[in-house]
PDB file of N, CA and C in Angstrom:
ATOM      1  N   UNK A   1      90.133 122.890  66.976  1.00  0.00           N
ATOM      2  CA  UNK A   1      91.265 122.035  66.685  1.00  0.00           C
ATOM      3  C   UNK A   1      90.750 120.732  66.085  1.00  0.00           C
ATOM      4  N   UNK A   2      91.401 120.292  65.041  1.00  0.00           N
ATOM      5  CA  UNK A   2      91.071 119.022  64.415  1.00  0.00           C
ATOM      6  C   UNK A   2      92.340 118.193  64.348  1.00  0.00           C
ATOM      7  N   UNK A   3      92.237 116.951  64.770  1.00  0.00           N
ATOM      8  CA  UNK A   3      93.353 116.013  64.671  1.00  0.00           C
ATOM      9  C   UNK A   3      92.837 114.729  64.050  1.00  0.00           C
ATOM     10  N   UNK A   4      93.667 114.104  63.266  1.00  0.00           N
ATOM     11  CA  UNK A   4      93.305 112.833  62.636  1.00  0.00           C
ATOM     12  C   UNK A   4      94.311 111.786  63.079  1.00  0.00           C
ATOM     13  N   UNK A   5      93.815 110.638  63.498  1.00  0.00           N
ATOM     14  CA  UNK A   5      94.691 109.538  63.878  1.00  0.00           C
ATOM     15  C   UNK A   5      94.288 108.289  63.125  1.00  0.00           C
ATOM     16  N   UNK A   6      95.210 107.388  63.015  1.00  0.00           N
ATOM     17  CA  UNK A   6      94.999 106.126  62.327  1.00  0.00           C
ATOM     18  C   UNK A   6      94.454 105.095  63.305  1.00  0.00           C
ATOM     19  N   UNK A   7      93.671 104.152  62.810  1.00  0.00           N
ATOM     20  CA  UNK A   7      93.247 103.003  63.601  1.00  0.00           C
ATOM     21  C   UNK A   7      94.201 101.860  63.273  1.00  0.00           C
ATOM     22  N   UNK A   8      94.870 101.340  64.298  1.00  0.00           N
ATOM     23  CA  UNK A   8      95.883 100.309  64.135  1.00  0.00           C
ATOM     24  C   UNK A   8      95.288  98.916  64.364  1.00  0.00           C
ATOM     25  N   UNK A   9      96.157  97.905  64.287  1.00  0.00           N
ATOM     26  CA  UNK A   9      95.736  96.540  64.583  1.00  0.00           C
ATOM     27  C   UNK A   9      95.019  96.519  65.927  1.00  0.00           C
ATOM     28  N   UNK A  10      94.095  95.629  66.055  1.00  0.00           N
ATOM     29  CA  UNK A  10      93.292  95.488  67.276  1.00  0.00           C
ATOM     30  C   UNK A  10      92.499  96.762  67.569  1.00  0.00           C
ATOM     31  N   UNK A  11      92.278  97.592  66.555  1.00  0.00           N
ATOM     32  CA  UNK A  11      91.463  98.804  66.634  1.00  0.00           C
ATOM     33  C   UNK A  11      91.977  99.826  67.641  1.00  0.00           C
ATOM     34  N   UNK A  12      93.285  99.872  67.848  1.00  0.00           N
ATOM     35  CA  UNK A  12      93.883 100.864  68.731  1.00  0.00           C
ATOM     36  C   UNK A  12      94.140 102.151  67.960  1.00  0.00           C
ATOM     37  N   UNK A  13      94.157 103.262  68.684  1.00  0.00           N
ATOM     38  CA  UNK A  13      94.487 104.551  68.096  1.00  0.00           C
ATOM     39  C   UNK A  13      95.276 105.352  69.126  1.00  0.00           C
ATOM     40  N   UNK A  14      95.751 106.522  68.735  1.00  0.00           N
ATOM     41  CA  UNK A  14      96.554 107.369  69.611  1.00  0.00           C
ATOM     42  C   UNK A  14      95.775 108.651  69.886  1.00  0.00           C
ATOM     43  N   UNK A  15      95.772 109.077  71.135  1.00  0.00           N
ATOM     44  CA  UNK A  15      95.192 110.381  71.471  1.00  0.00           C
ATOM     45  C   UNK A  15      96.250 111.422  71.115  1.00  0.00           C
ATOM     46  N   UNK A  16      95.931 112.338  70.231  1.00  0.00           N
ATOM     47  CA  UNK A  16      96.921 113.311  69.772  1.00  0.00           C
ATOM     48  C   UNK A  16      97.527 114.124  70.928  1.00  0.00           C
ATOM     49  N   UNK A  17      98.779 114.499  70.762  1.00  0.00           N
ATOM     50  CA  UNK A  17      99.510 115.244  71.782  1.00  0.00           C
ATOM     51  C   UNK A  17      98.765 116.517  72.201  1.00  0.00           C
ATOM     52  N   UNK A  18      98.204 117.222  71.240  1.00  0.00           N
ATOM     53  CA  UNK A  18      97.493 118.467  71.555  1.00  0.00           C
ATOM     54  C   UNK A  18      96.321 118.218  72.499  1.00  0.00           C
ATOM     55  N   UNK A  19      95.615 117.103  72.282  1.00  0.00           N
ATOM     56  CA  UNK A  19      94.479 116.742  73.145  1.00  0.00           C
ATOM     57  C   UNK A  19      94.992 116.329  74.517  1.00  0.00           C
ATOM     58  N   UNK A  20      96.037 115.509  74.551  1.00  0.00           N
ATOM     59  CA  UNK A  20      96.612 115.076  75.835  1.00  0.00           C
ATOM     60  C   UNK A  20      97.058 116.275  76.650  1.00  0.00           C
ATOM     61  N   UNK A  21      97.691 117.237  76.011  1.00  0.00           N
ATOM     62  CA  UNK A  21      98.154 118.434  76.717  1.00  0.00           C
ATOM     63  C   UNK A  21      96.987 119.309  77.177  1.00  0.00           C
ATOM     64  N   UNK A  22      96.011 119.488  76.328  1.00  0.00           N
ATOM     65  CA  UNK A  22      94.853 120.346  76.653  1.00  0.00           C
ATOM     66  C   UNK A  22      94.104 119.837  77.877  1.00  0.00           C
ATOM     67  N   UNK A  23      93.992 118.505  77.992  1.00  0.00           N
ATOM     68  CA  UNK A  23      93.223 117.913  79.096  1.00  0.00           C
ATOM     69  C   UNK A  23      94.116 117.312  80.180  1.00  0.00           C
ATOM     70  N   UNK A  24      95.413 117.563  80.104  1.00  0.00           N
ATOM     71  CA  UNK A  24      96.370 117.050  81.091  1.00  0.00           C
ATOM     72  C   UNK A  24      96.217 115.545  81.301  1.00  0.00           C
ATOM     73  N   UNK A  25      96.142 114.797  80.216  1.00  0.00           N
ATOM     74  CA  UNK A  25      95.925 113.356  80.283  1.00  0.00           C
ATOM     75  C   UNK A  25      97.221 112.618  80.555  1.00  0.00           C
ATOM     76  N   UNK A  26      97.095 111.540  81.308  1.00  0.00           N
ATOM     77  CA  UNK A  26      98.200 110.609  81.501  1.00  0.00           C
ATOM     78  C   UNK A  26      97.602 109.199  81.533  1.00  0.00           C
ATOM     79  N   UNK A  27      98.413 108.218  81.890  1.00  0.00           N
ATOM     80  CA  UNK A  27      97.960 106.823  81.828  1.00  0.00           C
ATOM     81  C   UNK A  27      96.914 106.475  82.878  1.00  0.00           C
ATOM     82  N   UNK A  28      96.592 107.402  83.783  1.00  0.00           N
ATOM     83  CA  UNK A  28      95.577 107.119  84.796  1.00  0.00           C
ATOM     84  C   UNK A  28      94.163 107.390  84.274  1.00  0.00           C
ATOM     85  N   UNK A  29      94.024 107.769  83.014  1.00  0.00           N
ATOM     86  CA  UNK A  29      92.715 108.068  82.439  1.00  0.00           C
ATOM     87  C   UNK A  29      92.217 106.926  81.557  1.00  0.00           C
ATOM     88  N   UNK A  30      90.905 106.818  81.485  1.00  0.00           N
ATOM     89  CA  UNK A  30      90.234 105.932  80.531  1.00  0.00           C
ATOM     90  C   UNK A  30      89.400 106.801  79.603  1.00  0.00           C
ATOM     91  N   UNK A  31      89.062 106.261  78.445  1.00  0.00           N
ATOM     92  CA  UNK A  31      88.223 106.979  77.493  1.00  0.00           C
ATOM     93  C   UNK A  31      86.833 106.355  77.525  1.00  0.00           C
ATOM     94  N   UNK A  32      85.824 107.189  77.767  1.00  0.00           N
ATOM     95  CA  UNK A  32      84.435 106.736  77.762  1.00  0.00           C
ATOM     96  C   UNK A  32      83.823 107.150  76.424  1.00  0.00           C
ATOM     97  N   UNK A  33      83.378 106.161  75.649  1.00  0.00           N
ATOM     98  CA  UNK A  33      82.794 106.389  74.322  1.00  0.00           C
ATOM     99  C   UNK A  33      81.278 106.225  74.399  1.00  0.00           C
ATOM    100  N   UNK A  34      80.555 107.042  73.639  1.00  0.00           N
ATOM    101  CA  UNK A  34      79.103 106.866  73.544  1.00  0.00           C
ATOM    102  C   UNK A  34      78.615 107.475  72.227  1.00  0.00           C
ATOM    103  N   UNK A  35      77.455 107.042  71.812  1.00  0.00           N
ATOM    104  CA  UNK A  35      76.800 107.595  70.626  1.00  0.00           C
ATOM    105  C   UNK A  35      75.650 108.455  71.115  1.00  0.00           C
ATOM    106  N   UNK A  36      75.634 109.729  70.738  1.00  0.00           N
ATOM    107  CA  UNK A  36      74.577 110.624  71.211  1.00  0.00           C
ATOM    108  C   UNK A  36      73.285 110.412  70.421  1.00  0.00           C
ATOM    109  N   UNK A  37      72.262 111.169  70.781  1.00  0.00           N
ATOM    110  CA  UNK A  37      70.940 111.013  70.154  1.00  0.00           C
ATOM    111  C   UNK A  37      70.952 111.341  68.664  1.00  0.00           C
ATOM    112  N   UNK A  38      71.949 112.088  68.213  1.00  0.00           N
ATOM    113  CA  UNK A  38      72.062 112.435  66.796  1.00  0.00           C
ATOM    114  C   UNK A  38      72.936 111.454  66.019  1.00  0.00           C
ATOM    115  N   UNK A  39      73.392 110.381  66.691  1.00  0.00           N
ATOM    116  CA  UNK A  39      74.209 109.377  66.031  1.00  0.00           C
ATOM    117  C   UNK A  39      75.685 109.735  65.941  1.00  0.00           C
ATOM    118  N   UNK A  40      76.104 110.778  66.632  1.00  0.00           N
ATOM    119  CA  UNK A  40      77.506 111.194  66.625  1.00  0.00           C
ATOM    120  C   UNK A  40      78.239 110.576  67.810  1.00  0.00           C
ATOM    121  N   UNK A  41      79.506 110.261  67.604  1.00  0.00           N
ATOM    122  CA  UNK A  41      80.329 109.694  68.669  1.00  0.00           C
ATOM    123  C   UNK A  41      80.815 110.825  69.578  1.00  0.00           C
ATOM    124  N   UNK A  42      80.673 110.611  70.876  1.00  0.00           N
ATOM    125  CA  UNK A  42      81.194 111.542  71.874  1.00  0.00           C
ATOM    126  C   UNK A  42      82.112 110.754  72.797  1.00  0.00           C
ATOM    127  N   UNK A  43      83.076 111.439  73.386  1.00  0.00           N
ATOM    128  CA  UNK A  43      83.917 110.765  74.362  1.00  0.00           C
ATOM    129  C   UNK A  43      84.271 111.707  75.490  1.00  0.00           C
ATOM    130  N   UNK A  44      84.561 111.107  76.632  1.00  0.00           N
ATOM    131  CA  UNK A  44      85.023 111.826  77.813  1.00  0.00           C
ATOM    132  C   UNK A  44      86.247 111.106  78.342  1.00  0.00           C
ATOM    133  N   UNK A  45      87.064 111.839  79.062  1.00  0.00           N
ATOM    134  CA  UNK A  45      88.224 111.253  79.710  1.00  0.00           C
ATOM    135  C   UNK A  45      87.901 111.089  81.184  1.00  0.00           C
ATOM    136  N   UNK A  46      87.985 109.857  81.657  1.00  0.00           N
ATOM    137  CA  UNK A  46      87.632 109.515  83.024  1.00  0.00           C
ATOM    138  C   UNK A  46      88.897 109.125  83.770  1.00  0.00           C
ATOM    139  N   UNK A  47      89.192 109.835  84.847  1.00  0.00           N
ATOM    140  CA  UNK A  47      90.398 109.540  85.626  1.00  0.00           C
ATOM    141  C   UNK A  47      90.111 108.406  86.593  1.00  0.00           C
ATOM    142  N   UNK A  48      90.986 107.390  86.586  1.00  0.00           N
ATOM    143  CA  UNK A  48      90.924 106.338  87.595  1.00  0.00           C
ATOM    144  C   UNK A  48      91.380 106.943  88.911  1.00  0.00           C
ATOM    145  N   UNK A  49      90.544 106.866  89.915  1.00  0.00           N
ATOM    146  CA  UNK A  49      90.887 107.415  91.221  1.00  0.00           C
ATOM    147  C   UNK A  49      91.314 106.300  92.161  1.00  0.00           C
ATOM    148  N   UNK A  50      92.296 106.590  92.972  1.00  0.00           N
ATOM    149  CA  UNK A  50      92.648 105.651  94.030  1.00  0.00           C
ATOM    150  C   UNK A  50      91.664 105.855  95.167  1.00  0.00           C
ATOM    151  N   UNK A  51      91.612 104.910  96.079  1.00  0.00           N
ATOM    152  CA  UNK A  51      90.719 105.046  97.223  1.00  0.00           C
ATOM    153  C   UNK A  51      91.068 106.308  98.009  1.00  0.00           C
ATOM    154  N   UNK A  52      92.347 106.580  98.180  1.00  0.00           N
ATOM    155  CA  UNK A  52      92.759 107.781  98.912  1.00  0.00           C
ATOM    156  C   UNK A  52      92.263 109.055  98.229  1.00  0.00           C
ATOM    157  N   UNK A  53      92.222 109.068  96.897  1.00  0.00           N
ATOM    158  CA  UNK A  53      91.717 110.236  96.172  1.00  0.00           C
ATOM    159  C   UNK A  53      90.202 110.366  96.310  1.00  0.00           C
ATOM    160  N   UNK A  54      89.508 109.241  96.480  1.00  0.00           N
ATOM    161  CA  UNK A  54      88.052 109.267  96.622  1.00  0.00           C
ATOM    162  C   UNK A  54      87.599 109.705  98.004  1.00  0.00           C
ATOM    163  N   UNK A  55      88.404 109.402  99.028  1.00  0.00           N
ATOM    164  CA  UNK A  55      88.010 109.710 100.404  1.00  0.00           C
ATOM    165  C   UNK A  55      87.828 111.213 100.551  1.00  0.00           C
ATOM    166  N   UNK A  56      86.678 111.592 101.063  1.00  0.00           N
ATOM    167  CA  UNK A  56      86.365 112.993 101.277  1.00  0.00           C
ATOM    168  C   UNK A  56      85.643 113.651 100.119  1.00  0.00           C
ATOM    169  N   UNK A  57      85.636 113.032  98.937  1.00  0.00           N
ATOM    170  CA  UNK A  57      84.958 113.607  97.782  1.00  0.00           C
ATOM    171  C   UNK A  57      83.502 113.163  97.678  1.00  0.00           C
ATOM    172  N   UNK A  58      83.188 112.045  98.306  1.00  0.00           N
ATOM    173  CA  UNK A  58      81.854 111.471  98.177  1.00  0.00           C
ATOM    174  C   UNK A  58      81.260 111.244  99.559  1.00  0.00           C
ATOM    175  N   UNK A  59      79.950 111.221  99.621  1.00  0.00           N
ATOM    176  CA  UNK A  59      79.283 110.925 100.886  1.00  0.00           C
ATOM    177  C   UNK A  59      78.390 109.709 100.690  1.00  0.00           C
ATOM    178  N   UNK A  60      78.094 109.046 101.790  1.00  0.00           N
ATOM    179  CA  UNK A  60      77.299 107.824 101.735  1.00  0.00           C
ATOM    180  C   UNK A  60      75.993 108.022 102.502  1.00  0.00           C
ATOM    181  N   UNK A  61      74.997 107.231 102.141  1.00  0.00           N
ATOM    182  CA  UNK A  61      73.718 107.276 102.822  1.00  0.00           C
ATOM    183  C   UNK A  61      73.841 106.650 104.208  1.00  0.00           C
ATOM    184  N   UNK A  62      74.643 105.587 104.304  1.00  0.00           N
ATOM    185  CA  UNK A  62      74.844 104.882 105.565  1.00  0.00           C
ATOM    186  C   UNK A  62      76.266 105.102 106.057  1.00  0.00           C
ATOM    187  N   UNK A  63      76.484 104.888 107.361  1.00  0.00           N
ATOM    188  CA  UNK A  63      77.831 104.958 107.909  1.00  0.00           C
ATOM    189  C   UNK A  63      78.696 103.861 107.299  1.00  0.00           C
ATOM    190  N   UNK A  64      79.971 104.178 107.091  1.00  0.00           N
ATOM    191  CA  UNK A  64      80.900 103.233 106.480  1.00  0.00           C
ATOM    192  C   UNK A  64      82.121 103.089 107.377  1.00  0.00           C
ATOM    193  N   UNK A  65      82.560 101.861 107.548  1.00  0.00           N
ATOM    194  CA  UNK A  65      83.810 101.587 108.260  1.00  0.00           C
ATOM    195  C   UNK A  65      84.926 101.751 107.237  1.00  0.00           C
ATOM    196  N   UNK A  66      85.592 102.915 107.243  1.00  0.00           N
ATOM    197  CA  UNK A  66      86.577 103.209 106.201  1.00  0.00           C
ATOM    198  C   UNK A  66      87.804 102.297 106.271  1.00  0.00           C
ATOM    199  N   UNK A  67      88.169 101.849 107.459  1.00  0.00           N
ATOM    200  CA  UNK A  67      89.308 100.938 107.586  1.00  0.00           C
ATOM    201  C   UNK A  67      88.979  99.608 106.909  1.00  0.00           C
ATOM    202  N   UNK A  68      87.780  99.094 107.172  1.00  0.00           N
ATOM    203  CA  UNK A  68      87.331  97.835 106.553  1.00  0.00           C
ATOM    204  C   UNK A  68      87.206  98.014 105.033  1.00  0.00           C
ATOM    205  N   UNK A  69      86.645  99.128 104.605  1.00  0.00           N
ATOM    206  CA  UNK A  69      86.464  99.397 103.184  1.00  0.00           C
ATOM    207  C   UNK A  69      87.811  99.462 102.469  1.00  0.00           C
ATOM    208  N   UNK A  70      88.778 100.159 103.063  1.00  0.00           N
ATOM    209  CA  UNK A  70      90.104 100.262 102.454  1.00  0.00           C
ATOM    210  C   UNK A  70      90.752  98.886 102.354  1.00  0.00           C
ATOM    211  N   UNK A  71      90.599  98.053 103.381  1.00  0.00           N
ATOM    212  CA  UNK A  71      91.145  96.691 103.368  1.00  0.00           C
ATOM    213  C   UNK A  71      90.495  95.871 102.246  1.00  0.00           C
ATOM    214  N   UNK A  72      89.167  95.959 102.119  1.00  0.00           N
ATOM    215  CA  UNK A  72      88.459  95.224 101.068  1.00  0.00           C
ATOM    216  C   UNK A  72      88.868  95.719  99.683  1.00  0.00           C
ATOM    217  N   UNK A  73      89.035  97.026  99.558  1.00  0.00           N
ATOM    218  CA  UNK A  73      89.437  97.610  98.278  1.00  0.00           C
ATOM    219  C   UNK A  73      90.806  97.095  97.864  1.00  0.00           C
ATOM    220  N   UNK A  74      91.747  97.097  98.789  1.00  0.00           N
ATOM    221  CA  UNK A  74      93.104  96.632  98.487  1.00  0.00           C
ATOM    222  C   UNK A  74      93.139  95.145  98.146  1.00  0.00           C
ATOM    223  N   UNK A  75      92.192  94.383  98.660  1.00  0.00           N
ATOM    224  CA  UNK A  75      92.137  92.944  98.395  1.00  0.00           C
ATOM    225  C   UNK A  75      91.120  92.585  97.311  1.00  0.00           C
ATOM    226  N   UNK A  76      90.675  93.586  96.564  1.00  0.00           N
ATOM    227  CA  UNK A  76      89.738  93.387  95.430  1.00  0.00           C
ATOM    228  C   UNK A  76      88.507  92.595  95.823  1.00  0.00           C
ATOM    229  N   UNK A  77      87.861  92.953  96.897  1.00  0.00           N
ATOM    230  CA  UNK A  77      86.667  92.233  97.361  1.00  0.00           C
ATOM    231  C   UNK A  77      85.391  92.994  97.067  1.00  0.00           C
ATOM    232  N   UNK A  78      85.308  93.643  95.939  1.00  0.00           N
ATOM    233  CA  UNK A  78      84.088  94.366  95.581  1.00  0.00           C
ATOM    234  C   UNK A  78      83.281  93.588  94.616  1.00  0.00           C
TER     235      UNK A  78
END
Protein backbone atom coordinates (compact mmCIF):
# COMPACT_ATOMS: atom_id res chain seq x y z
CA UNK A 1 0.00 0.00 0.00
CA UNK A 2 1.25 3.46 -0.87
CA UNK A 3 -0.30 6.67 0.41
CA UNK A 4 0.80 10.23 -0.19
CA UNK A 5 0.01 13.08 2.16
CA UNK A 6 0.75 16.77 2.08
CA UNK A 7 2.93 18.60 4.59
CA UNK A 8 0.92 21.52 5.98
CA UNK A 9 1.85 24.67 7.90
CA UNK A 10 3.99 23.95 10.94
CA UNK A 11 5.09 20.74 9.15
CA UNK A 12 1.96 18.80 10.10
CA UNK A 13 0.64 15.92 8.02
CA UNK A 14 -2.23 13.42 8.15
CA UNK A 15 -1.91 9.69 8.75
CA UNK A 16 -3.96 8.18 5.92
CA UNK A 17 -7.21 6.43 6.83
CA UNK A 18 -5.97 3.10 5.48
CA UNK A 19 -2.95 3.22 7.81
CA UNK A 20 -5.06 4.30 10.80
CA UNK A 21 -7.45 1.42 10.17
CA UNK A 22 -4.71 -1.16 9.57
CA UNK A 23 -3.00 -0.34 12.87
CA UNK A 24 -6.15 0.56 14.84
CA UNK A 25 -4.75 4.02 15.60
CA UNK A 26 -6.51 6.64 17.66
CA UNK A 27 -5.48 9.82 19.47
CA UNK A 28 -3.75 7.82 22.22
CA UNK A 29 -0.83 7.06 19.87
CA UNK A 30 2.36 8.98 19.13
CA UNK A 31 4.55 8.61 16.06
CA UNK A 32 8.20 7.69 16.65
CA UNK A 33 10.42 8.81 13.74
CA UNK A 34 13.98 7.66 13.07
CA UNK A 35 16.51 7.45 10.26
CA UNK A 36 17.86 3.93 9.74
CA UNK A 37 21.44 2.98 8.85
CA UNK A 38 20.59 3.25 5.14
CA UNK A 39 19.35 6.83 5.51
CA UNK A 40 15.68 5.90 5.12
CA UNK A 41 12.97 7.26 7.41
CA UNK A 42 11.19 4.68 9.56
CA UNK A 43 8.34 5.21 11.97
CA UNK A 44 6.47 3.30 14.64
CA UNK A 45 3.21 3.99 16.40
CA UNK A 46 3.63 4.16 20.16
CA UNK A 47 0.54 3.95 22.36
CA UNK A 48 0.43 6.22 25.39
CA UNK A 49 -0.37 3.92 28.29
CA UNK A 50 -2.13 4.95 31.45
CA UNK A 51 -0.67 3.79 34.74
CA UNK A 52 -3.52 1.30 35.07
CA UNK A 53 -2.63 -0.17 31.65
CA UNK A 54 1.03 -0.48 32.68
CA UNK A 55 0.35 -2.27 35.98
CA UNK A 56 1.04 -5.95 35.58
CA UNK A 57 2.83 -5.61 32.22
CA UNK A 58 6.22 -4.70 33.63
CA UNK A 59 8.37 -5.91 36.49
CA UNK A 60 10.84 -4.00 38.63
CA UNK A 61 14.22 -4.89 40.07
CA UNK A 62 13.23 -3.46 43.46
CA UNK A 63 9.96 -3.57 45.38
CA UNK A 64 7.64 -0.67 44.56
CA UNK A 65 4.92 0.94 46.66
CA UNK A 66 2.24 1.00 43.95
CA UNK A 67 -0.09 3.26 45.95
CA UNK A 68 2.68 5.86 46.36
CA UNK A 69 3.71 5.47 42.71
CA UNK A 70 0.14 5.96 41.46
CA UNK A 71 -0.19 9.09 43.65
CA UNK A 72 3.10 10.50 42.30
CA UNK A 73 2.08 9.67 38.73
CA UNK A 74 -1.25 11.46 39.08
CA UNK A 75 0.53 14.51 40.52
CA UNK A 76 3.22 14.55 37.78
CA UNK A 77 6.11 14.03 40.20
CA UNK A 78 8.39 12.08 37.89
